[in-house]
N, C-alpha and C. Protein backbone atom coordinates (compact mmCIF):
# COMPACT_ATOMS: atom_id res chain seq x y z
N MET A 1 -11.84 -12.02 4.12
CA MET A 1 -12.39 -10.73 3.81
C MET A 1 -12.55 -10.66 2.31
N THR A 2 -13.72 -10.28 1.86
CA THR A 2 -13.99 -10.27 0.37
C THR A 2 -13.86 -8.81 -0.08
N GLU A 3 -13.05 -8.53 -1.07
CA GLU A 3 -12.85 -7.21 -1.63
C GLU A 3 -13.41 -7.13 -2.99
N PRO A 4 -13.82 -5.91 -3.49
CA PRO A 4 -14.27 -5.76 -4.80
C PRO A 4 -13.20 -6.16 -5.73
N ALA A 5 -13.58 -6.64 -6.92
CA ALA A 5 -12.63 -7.16 -7.88
C ALA A 5 -11.94 -6.26 -8.74
N THR A 6 -12.56 -5.16 -9.07
CA THR A 6 -11.90 -4.20 -10.06
C THR A 6 -11.07 -3.16 -9.34
N PRO A 7 -10.05 -2.63 -10.07
CA PRO A 7 -9.24 -1.54 -9.53
C PRO A 7 -10.12 -0.34 -9.20
N ALA A 8 -11.12 -0.04 -10.07
CA ALA A 8 -11.98 1.10 -9.77
C ALA A 8 -12.75 0.96 -8.47
N GLU A 9 -13.21 -0.22 -8.21
CA GLU A 9 -13.98 -0.54 -6.98
C GLU A 9 -13.03 -0.44 -5.77
N LEU A 10 -11.83 -0.93 -5.91
CA LEU A 10 -10.83 -0.89 -4.83
C LEU A 10 -10.41 0.55 -4.58
N THR A 11 -10.30 1.36 -5.61
CA THR A 11 -10.02 2.82 -5.49
C THR A 11 -11.04 3.51 -4.72
N ALA A 12 -12.30 3.26 -5.03
CA ALA A 12 -13.51 3.87 -4.35
C ALA A 12 -13.47 3.40 -2.88
N LEU A 13 -13.30 2.14 -2.67
CA LEU A 13 -13.28 1.67 -1.25
C LEU A 13 -12.14 2.35 -0.47
N ALA A 14 -10.96 2.34 -0.95
CA ALA A 14 -9.79 2.89 -0.23
C ALA A 14 -10.05 4.41 0.07
N ARG A 15 -10.60 5.09 -0.90
CA ARG A 15 -10.83 6.58 -0.71
C ARG A 15 -11.97 6.81 0.22
N THR A 16 -12.91 5.90 0.32
CA THR A 16 -13.99 6.05 1.34
C THR A 16 -13.43 5.75 2.74
N MET A 17 -12.71 4.65 2.91
CA MET A 17 -12.16 4.17 4.15
C MET A 17 -11.13 5.22 4.72
N ILE A 18 -10.36 5.84 3.85
CA ILE A 18 -9.26 6.74 4.28
C ILE A 18 -9.39 7.97 3.40
N PRO A 19 -10.17 8.92 3.87
CA PRO A 19 -10.55 10.14 3.05
C PRO A 19 -9.35 10.90 2.48
N ILE A 20 -8.22 10.89 3.19
CA ILE A 20 -7.05 11.61 2.72
C ILE A 20 -6.54 11.04 1.35
N LEU A 21 -6.85 9.77 1.12
CA LEU A 21 -6.47 9.16 -0.17
C LEU A 21 -7.31 9.75 -1.34
N ASP A 22 -8.55 10.11 -0.99
CA ASP A 22 -9.37 10.80 -2.04
C ASP A 22 -8.75 12.12 -2.31
N ALA A 23 -8.44 12.90 -1.30
CA ALA A 23 -7.84 14.24 -1.51
C ALA A 23 -6.53 14.12 -2.29
N MET A 24 -5.74 13.09 -2.12
CA MET A 24 -4.43 12.91 -2.78
C MET A 24 -4.69 12.35 -4.26
N GLY A 25 -5.91 11.95 -4.51
CA GLY A 25 -6.20 11.43 -5.89
C GLY A 25 -5.58 10.00 -6.06
N LEU A 26 -5.40 9.21 -5.06
CA LEU A 26 -4.89 7.86 -5.13
C LEU A 26 -5.71 7.04 -6.06
N GLU A 27 -5.09 6.23 -6.92
CA GLU A 27 -5.78 5.28 -7.78
C GLU A 27 -5.05 3.89 -7.62
N VAL A 28 -5.92 2.93 -7.37
CA VAL A 28 -5.46 1.55 -7.28
C VAL A 28 -5.40 1.02 -8.67
N LEU A 29 -4.24 0.61 -9.11
CA LEU A 29 -4.05 0.04 -10.43
C LEU A 29 -4.15 -1.45 -10.49
N GLU A 30 -3.77 -2.14 -9.44
CA GLU A 30 -3.83 -3.64 -9.43
C GLU A 30 -3.66 -4.01 -7.94
N VAL A 31 -4.48 -5.05 -7.59
CA VAL A 31 -4.25 -5.74 -6.26
C VAL A 31 -4.63 -7.20 -6.49
N THR A 32 -3.76 -8.04 -6.05
CA THR A 32 -3.99 -9.42 -6.03
C THR A 32 -3.51 -9.89 -4.64
N PRO A 33 -3.72 -11.17 -4.28
CA PRO A 33 -3.10 -11.63 -3.01
C PRO A 33 -1.62 -11.51 -2.92
N HIS A 34 -0.90 -11.32 -4.05
CA HIS A 34 0.54 -11.38 -4.08
C HIS A 34 1.16 -10.20 -4.62
N SER A 35 0.44 -9.18 -5.01
CA SER A 35 1.00 -7.91 -5.53
C SER A 35 0.02 -6.76 -5.38
N ALA A 36 0.57 -5.62 -5.36
CA ALA A 36 -0.30 -4.35 -5.29
C ALA A 36 0.46 -3.26 -5.98
N THR A 37 -0.32 -2.42 -6.72
CA THR A 37 0.19 -1.26 -7.41
C THR A 37 -0.77 -0.10 -7.17
N ALA A 38 -0.31 1.06 -6.81
CA ALA A 38 -1.12 2.27 -6.68
C ALA A 38 -0.45 3.45 -7.21
N ARG A 39 -1.16 4.52 -7.57
CA ARG A 39 -0.63 5.67 -8.23
C ARG A 39 -1.21 6.90 -7.54
N ILE A 40 -0.46 8.01 -7.52
CA ILE A 40 -0.97 9.34 -7.17
C ILE A 40 -0.39 10.29 -8.11
N PRO A 41 -1.29 11.25 -8.50
CA PRO A 41 -0.82 12.29 -9.49
C PRO A 41 0.10 13.31 -8.81
N ALA A 42 0.81 14.08 -9.61
CA ALA A 42 1.65 15.13 -9.01
C ALA A 42 0.81 16.17 -8.32
N GLU A 43 -0.24 16.67 -8.96
CA GLU A 43 -1.13 17.64 -8.25
C GLU A 43 -2.33 16.91 -7.51
N PRO A 44 -2.63 17.13 -6.37
CA PRO A 44 -2.18 18.27 -5.51
C PRO A 44 -1.06 17.92 -4.58
N ASN A 45 -0.28 16.95 -4.89
CA ASN A 45 0.68 16.39 -3.98
C ASN A 45 2.12 16.91 -4.02
N VAL A 46 2.31 18.13 -4.57
CA VAL A 46 3.60 18.71 -4.63
C VAL A 46 3.81 19.70 -3.43
N ASN A 47 5.05 19.87 -3.15
CA ASN A 47 5.44 20.75 -2.05
C ASN A 47 5.72 22.19 -2.59
N HIS A 48 6.32 23.04 -1.74
CA HIS A 48 6.54 24.39 -2.09
C HIS A 48 7.56 24.55 -3.20
N PHE A 49 8.38 23.55 -3.54
CA PHE A 49 9.32 23.74 -4.64
C PHE A 49 9.01 22.78 -5.83
N GLY A 50 7.80 22.29 -5.89
CA GLY A 50 7.34 21.64 -7.08
C GLY A 50 7.67 20.17 -7.14
N ALA A 51 8.16 19.55 -6.08
CA ALA A 51 8.47 18.10 -6.02
C ALA A 51 7.38 17.44 -5.17
N MET A 52 7.18 16.16 -5.42
CA MET A 52 6.17 15.41 -4.63
C MET A 52 6.56 15.50 -3.12
N TYR A 53 5.52 15.85 -2.37
CA TYR A 53 5.63 15.96 -0.89
C TYR A 53 6.02 14.63 -0.34
N ALA A 54 6.94 14.57 0.63
CA ALA A 54 7.50 13.29 1.15
C ALA A 54 6.40 12.42 1.78
N GLY A 55 5.42 13.03 2.47
CA GLY A 55 4.40 12.30 3.09
C GLY A 55 3.52 11.60 2.12
N CYS A 56 3.35 12.20 0.90
CA CYS A 56 2.56 11.51 -0.19
C CYS A 56 3.24 10.29 -0.69
N LEU A 57 4.62 10.36 -0.89
CA LEU A 57 5.40 9.26 -1.27
C LEU A 57 5.23 8.14 -0.28
N PHE A 58 5.32 8.52 0.97
CA PHE A 58 5.17 7.49 2.07
C PHE A 58 3.82 6.82 2.00
N THR A 59 2.77 7.64 1.81
CA THR A 59 1.41 7.09 1.83
C THR A 59 1.10 6.16 0.70
N VAL A 60 1.50 6.51 -0.49
CA VAL A 60 1.22 5.63 -1.61
C VAL A 60 1.89 4.29 -1.51
N ALA A 61 3.04 4.23 -0.83
CA ALA A 61 3.68 2.96 -0.55
C ALA A 61 3.03 2.20 0.56
N GLU A 62 2.78 2.95 1.71
CA GLU A 62 2.23 2.32 2.89
C GLU A 62 0.92 1.67 2.68
N VAL A 63 0.05 2.27 1.87
CA VAL A 63 -1.35 1.75 1.69
C VAL A 63 -1.38 0.35 1.00
N LEU A 64 -0.24 0.01 0.31
CA LEU A 64 -0.23 -1.24 -0.39
C LEU A 64 -0.39 -2.50 0.52
N GLY A 65 0.14 -2.42 1.74
CA GLY A 65 0.04 -3.46 2.73
C GLY A 65 -1.40 -3.75 3.09
N GLY A 66 -2.22 -2.75 3.33
CA GLY A 66 -3.53 -2.90 3.60
C GLY A 66 -4.40 -3.44 2.49
N LEU A 67 -4.12 -2.93 1.27
CA LEU A 67 -4.80 -3.38 0.11
C LEU A 67 -4.63 -4.83 -0.12
N MET A 68 -3.43 -5.36 -0.03
CA MET A 68 -3.13 -6.77 -0.28
C MET A 68 -3.79 -7.62 0.81
N ALA A 69 -3.74 -7.08 2.09
CA ALA A 69 -4.30 -7.88 3.17
C ALA A 69 -5.77 -8.12 3.11
N GLY A 70 -6.45 -7.33 2.24
CA GLY A 70 -7.87 -7.41 2.03
C GLY A 70 -8.24 -8.82 1.42
N PHE A 71 -7.28 -9.49 0.83
CA PHE A 71 -7.51 -10.76 0.22
C PHE A 71 -7.38 -11.90 1.22
N MET A 72 -6.83 -11.64 2.40
CA MET A 72 -6.69 -12.69 3.38
C MET A 72 -8.00 -13.02 4.05
N ASP A 73 -8.26 -14.33 4.18
CA ASP A 73 -9.45 -14.78 4.80
C ASP A 73 -9.24 -15.01 6.27
N VAL A 74 -9.24 -13.90 6.98
CA VAL A 74 -8.96 -13.94 8.42
C VAL A 74 -10.18 -13.26 9.14
N PRO A 75 -11.13 -14.08 9.65
CA PRO A 75 -12.27 -13.46 10.30
C PRO A 75 -11.89 -12.44 11.34
N GLY A 76 -12.37 -11.23 11.25
CA GLY A 76 -12.05 -10.13 12.10
C GLY A 76 -10.67 -9.63 12.00
N GLY A 77 -9.99 -10.02 10.89
CA GLY A 77 -8.56 -9.56 10.62
C GLY A 77 -8.55 -8.16 10.14
N VAL A 78 -7.66 -7.38 10.71
CA VAL A 78 -7.33 -5.99 10.31
C VAL A 78 -5.87 -5.81 10.12
N PRO A 79 -5.45 -5.30 8.94
CA PRO A 79 -3.96 -5.04 8.69
C PRO A 79 -3.57 -3.80 9.34
N LEU A 80 -2.48 -3.84 10.13
CA LEU A 80 -1.94 -2.71 10.82
C LEU A 80 -0.48 -2.50 10.32
N VAL A 81 -0.12 -1.21 10.15
CA VAL A 81 1.30 -0.91 9.89
C VAL A 81 2.02 -0.73 11.20
N LYS A 82 3.08 -1.45 11.43
CA LYS A 82 3.88 -1.30 12.63
C LYS A 82 5.02 -0.31 12.51
N ARG A 83 5.61 -0.36 11.33
CA ARG A 83 6.78 0.54 11.05
C ARG A 83 6.95 0.56 9.53
N LEU A 84 7.39 1.71 9.03
CA LEU A 84 7.71 1.83 7.64
C LEU A 84 8.94 2.65 7.55
N GLU A 85 9.96 2.11 6.86
CA GLU A 85 11.21 2.94 6.58
C GLU A 85 11.13 3.34 5.09
N ILE A 86 11.62 4.56 4.85
CA ILE A 86 11.60 5.04 3.49
C ILE A 86 12.91 5.68 3.16
N ASP A 87 13.41 5.40 2.02
CA ASP A 87 14.69 5.96 1.50
C ASP A 87 14.26 6.76 0.21
N PHE A 88 14.45 8.06 0.32
CA PHE A 88 14.17 8.93 -0.84
C PHE A 88 15.46 8.96 -1.74
N SER A 89 15.29 8.71 -2.98
CA SER A 89 16.52 8.71 -3.83
C SER A 89 16.57 9.86 -4.85
N ARG A 90 15.40 10.35 -5.24
CA ARG A 90 15.34 11.45 -6.22
C ARG A 90 14.00 12.21 -6.04
N PRO A 91 14.09 13.49 -6.30
CA PRO A 91 12.72 14.22 -6.25
C PRO A 91 11.81 13.72 -7.34
N ALA A 92 10.54 13.62 -7.05
CA ALA A 92 9.53 13.23 -8.04
C ALA A 92 8.77 14.50 -8.39
N THR A 93 8.70 14.77 -9.73
CA THR A 93 7.99 15.99 -10.18
C THR A 93 6.79 15.59 -11.09
N THR A 94 6.55 14.26 -11.18
CA THR A 94 5.43 13.77 -11.93
C THR A 94 4.60 12.78 -11.05
N ALA A 95 3.60 12.23 -11.58
CA ALA A 95 2.82 11.21 -10.87
C ALA A 95 3.81 10.15 -10.53
N VAL A 96 3.43 9.41 -9.47
CA VAL A 96 4.30 8.26 -9.01
C VAL A 96 3.41 7.06 -8.83
N THR A 97 4.04 5.85 -9.00
CA THR A 97 3.48 4.58 -8.82
C THR A 97 4.35 3.72 -7.84
N ALA A 98 3.56 3.14 -6.88
CA ALA A 98 4.24 2.23 -5.86
C ALA A 98 3.82 0.87 -6.19
N ARG A 99 4.79 -0.07 -6.07
CA ARG A 99 4.54 -1.44 -6.37
C ARG A 99 5.17 -2.36 -5.26
N THR A 100 4.56 -3.43 -4.91
CA THR A 100 5.06 -4.43 -3.96
C THR A 100 4.58 -5.79 -4.41
N THR A 101 5.23 -6.84 -3.82
CA THR A 101 4.85 -8.20 -3.99
C THR A 101 4.98 -8.91 -2.67
N LEU A 102 4.20 -10.05 -2.55
CA LEU A 102 4.30 -10.95 -1.41
C LEU A 102 4.23 -12.36 -1.98
N SER A 103 5.06 -13.22 -1.57
CA SER A 103 5.07 -14.60 -2.23
C SER A 103 3.85 -15.37 -1.66
N GLU A 104 3.49 -16.32 -2.46
CA GLU A 104 2.36 -17.16 -2.15
C GLU A 104 2.54 -17.83 -0.80
N ALA A 105 3.78 -18.30 -0.55
CA ALA A 105 4.10 -19.01 0.70
C ALA A 105 4.02 -18.07 1.90
N GLU A 106 4.43 -16.76 1.69
CA GLU A 106 4.38 -15.82 2.79
C GLU A 106 2.87 -15.43 3.05
N PHE A 107 2.12 -15.20 1.98
CA PHE A 107 0.73 -14.93 2.09
C PHE A 107 0.01 -16.01 2.93
N ASP A 108 0.28 -17.27 2.46
CA ASP A 108 -0.39 -18.42 3.20
C ASP A 108 0.06 -18.52 4.63
N ARG A 109 1.39 -18.23 4.98
CA ARG A 109 1.83 -18.32 6.32
C ARG A 109 1.13 -17.16 7.20
N VAL A 110 1.04 -16.01 6.71
CA VAL A 110 0.46 -14.86 7.46
C VAL A 110 -0.98 -15.22 7.77
N GLN A 111 -1.71 -15.64 6.75
CA GLN A 111 -3.14 -15.96 6.91
C GLN A 111 -3.29 -17.03 7.99
N ALA A 112 -2.58 -18.19 7.84
CA ALA A 112 -2.69 -19.29 8.80
C ALA A 112 -2.33 -18.87 10.15
N GLU A 113 -1.17 -18.18 10.34
CA GLU A 113 -0.71 -17.82 11.65
C GLU A 113 -1.72 -16.81 12.30
N ALA A 114 -2.27 -15.89 11.63
CA ALA A 114 -3.22 -14.96 12.14
C ALA A 114 -4.52 -15.64 12.63
N ILE A 115 -4.92 -16.68 11.85
CA ILE A 115 -6.08 -17.42 12.25
C ILE A 115 -5.75 -18.27 13.57
N ALA A 116 -4.60 -18.88 13.54
CA ALA A 116 -4.21 -19.70 14.70
C ALA A 116 -3.87 -18.93 15.99
N THR A 117 -3.22 -17.79 15.84
CA THR A 117 -2.74 -17.12 17.10
C THR A 117 -3.36 -15.71 17.27
N GLY A 118 -4.10 -15.25 16.30
CA GLY A 118 -4.67 -13.89 16.46
C GLY A 118 -3.88 -12.78 15.83
N LYS A 119 -2.70 -13.10 15.42
CA LYS A 119 -1.89 -12.07 14.77
C LYS A 119 -0.71 -12.71 13.96
N SER A 120 -0.22 -11.96 13.04
CA SER A 120 0.86 -12.44 12.24
C SER A 120 1.62 -11.20 11.58
N ASN A 121 2.89 -11.16 11.74
CA ASN A 121 3.70 -10.07 11.11
C ASN A 121 4.16 -10.46 9.71
N TYR A 122 4.21 -9.40 8.92
CA TYR A 122 4.78 -9.58 7.58
C TYR A 122 5.47 -8.33 7.04
N GLU A 123 6.33 -8.49 6.11
CA GLU A 123 7.14 -7.33 5.62
C GLU A 123 6.89 -7.24 4.14
N LEU A 124 6.84 -5.95 3.69
CA LEU A 124 6.65 -5.70 2.26
C LEU A 124 7.74 -4.62 1.87
N VAL A 125 8.39 -4.85 0.77
CA VAL A 125 9.35 -3.90 0.21
C VAL A 125 8.65 -3.32 -1.00
N ALA A 126 8.67 -2.00 -1.18
CA ALA A 126 7.96 -1.34 -2.33
C ALA A 126 8.99 -0.39 -2.93
N GLU A 127 8.73 -0.27 -4.25
CA GLU A 127 9.47 0.75 -5.03
C GLU A 127 8.44 1.78 -5.51
N VAL A 128 8.84 3.06 -5.48
CA VAL A 128 8.02 4.17 -5.92
C VAL A 128 8.74 4.73 -7.11
N THR A 129 8.10 4.78 -8.26
CA THR A 129 8.77 5.24 -9.47
C THR A 129 7.96 6.46 -10.03
N ASP A 130 8.69 7.30 -10.79
CA ASP A 130 8.00 8.40 -11.40
C ASP A 130 7.52 7.96 -12.80
N GLU A 131 7.00 8.88 -13.64
CA GLU A 131 6.38 8.51 -14.91
C GLU A 131 7.47 7.96 -15.88
N ALA A 132 8.71 8.36 -15.69
CA ALA A 132 9.80 7.89 -16.58
C ALA A 132 10.42 6.53 -16.05
N GLY A 133 9.89 6.02 -14.98
CA GLY A 133 10.32 4.75 -14.52
C GLY A 133 11.43 4.88 -13.57
N THR A 134 11.92 6.11 -13.19
CA THR A 134 12.94 6.33 -12.31
C THR A 134 12.50 6.08 -10.83
N VAL A 135 13.29 5.26 -10.09
CA VAL A 135 12.92 5.04 -8.69
C VAL A 135 13.20 6.30 -7.87
N VAL A 136 12.19 6.84 -7.24
CA VAL A 136 12.29 7.98 -6.42
C VAL A 136 12.34 7.70 -4.98
N ALA A 137 11.83 6.49 -4.55
CA ALA A 137 11.88 6.10 -3.16
C ALA A 137 11.69 4.62 -3.09
N ARG A 138 12.21 4.02 -2.06
CA ARG A 138 12.02 2.59 -1.69
C ARG A 138 11.53 2.58 -0.25
N THR A 139 10.58 1.65 0.05
CA THR A 139 10.15 1.46 1.43
C THR A 139 10.28 0.00 1.88
N ARG A 140 10.38 -0.12 3.17
CA ARG A 140 10.36 -1.42 3.79
C ARG A 140 9.36 -1.31 4.91
N GLY A 141 8.16 -1.92 4.71
CA GLY A 141 7.08 -1.83 5.67
C GLY A 141 6.93 -3.07 6.48
N PHE A 142 6.69 -2.92 7.78
CA PHE A 142 6.41 -4.02 8.63
C PHE A 142 4.98 -3.90 9.12
N TYR A 143 4.19 -4.93 8.72
CA TYR A 143 2.77 -4.93 8.99
C TYR A 143 2.39 -6.06 9.91
N GLN A 144 1.18 -6.02 10.37
CA GLN A 144 0.65 -7.10 11.18
C GLN A 144 -0.83 -7.34 10.87
N MET A 145 -1.15 -8.59 10.51
CA MET A 145 -2.55 -8.90 10.42
C MET A 145 -3.02 -9.29 11.83
N ARG A 146 -4.02 -8.57 12.37
CA ARG A 146 -4.42 -8.85 13.77
C ARG A 146 -5.91 -9.04 13.76
N VAL A 147 -6.32 -10.02 14.48
CA VAL A 147 -7.75 -10.34 14.71
C VAL A 147 -8.18 -9.45 15.83
N MET A 148 -9.22 -8.68 15.45
CA MET A 148 -9.82 -7.72 16.44
C MET A 148 -11.20 -8.18 16.89
N GLY A 149 -11.40 -8.19 18.16
CA GLY A 149 -12.73 -8.56 18.69
C GLY A 149 -13.03 -9.91 18.75
């Protein structure tokens, strides 16, 4: 699958494919086959007491798996999230940034297995930090690259 090269193009694509990301103000900062970083602003994503809404923290971390999978050359391949666990450590009152990585060996394994068998599972661990660099949440996502059709 070929993805636009610039973060601005990836942001526009993500916001078009998943309209709620546009409403949240999601910005893709970096995506490579082995890492992804995305950010959302505090507004409009705060709850009734001024902290980032939990669902927004979940979303900014969860979307990373799909962004990275866009670099996999799997004909008909679609990234699916199977499960995501999140641990909230502190309230976020500023913009937040989520980051994750995937080793080259794991990327290659997932791609090859999906081509050979029609699906491959992979795991991503992400940290979500506020503007001061404080970790406000950590996620562990279980994804699957699946060949559809």
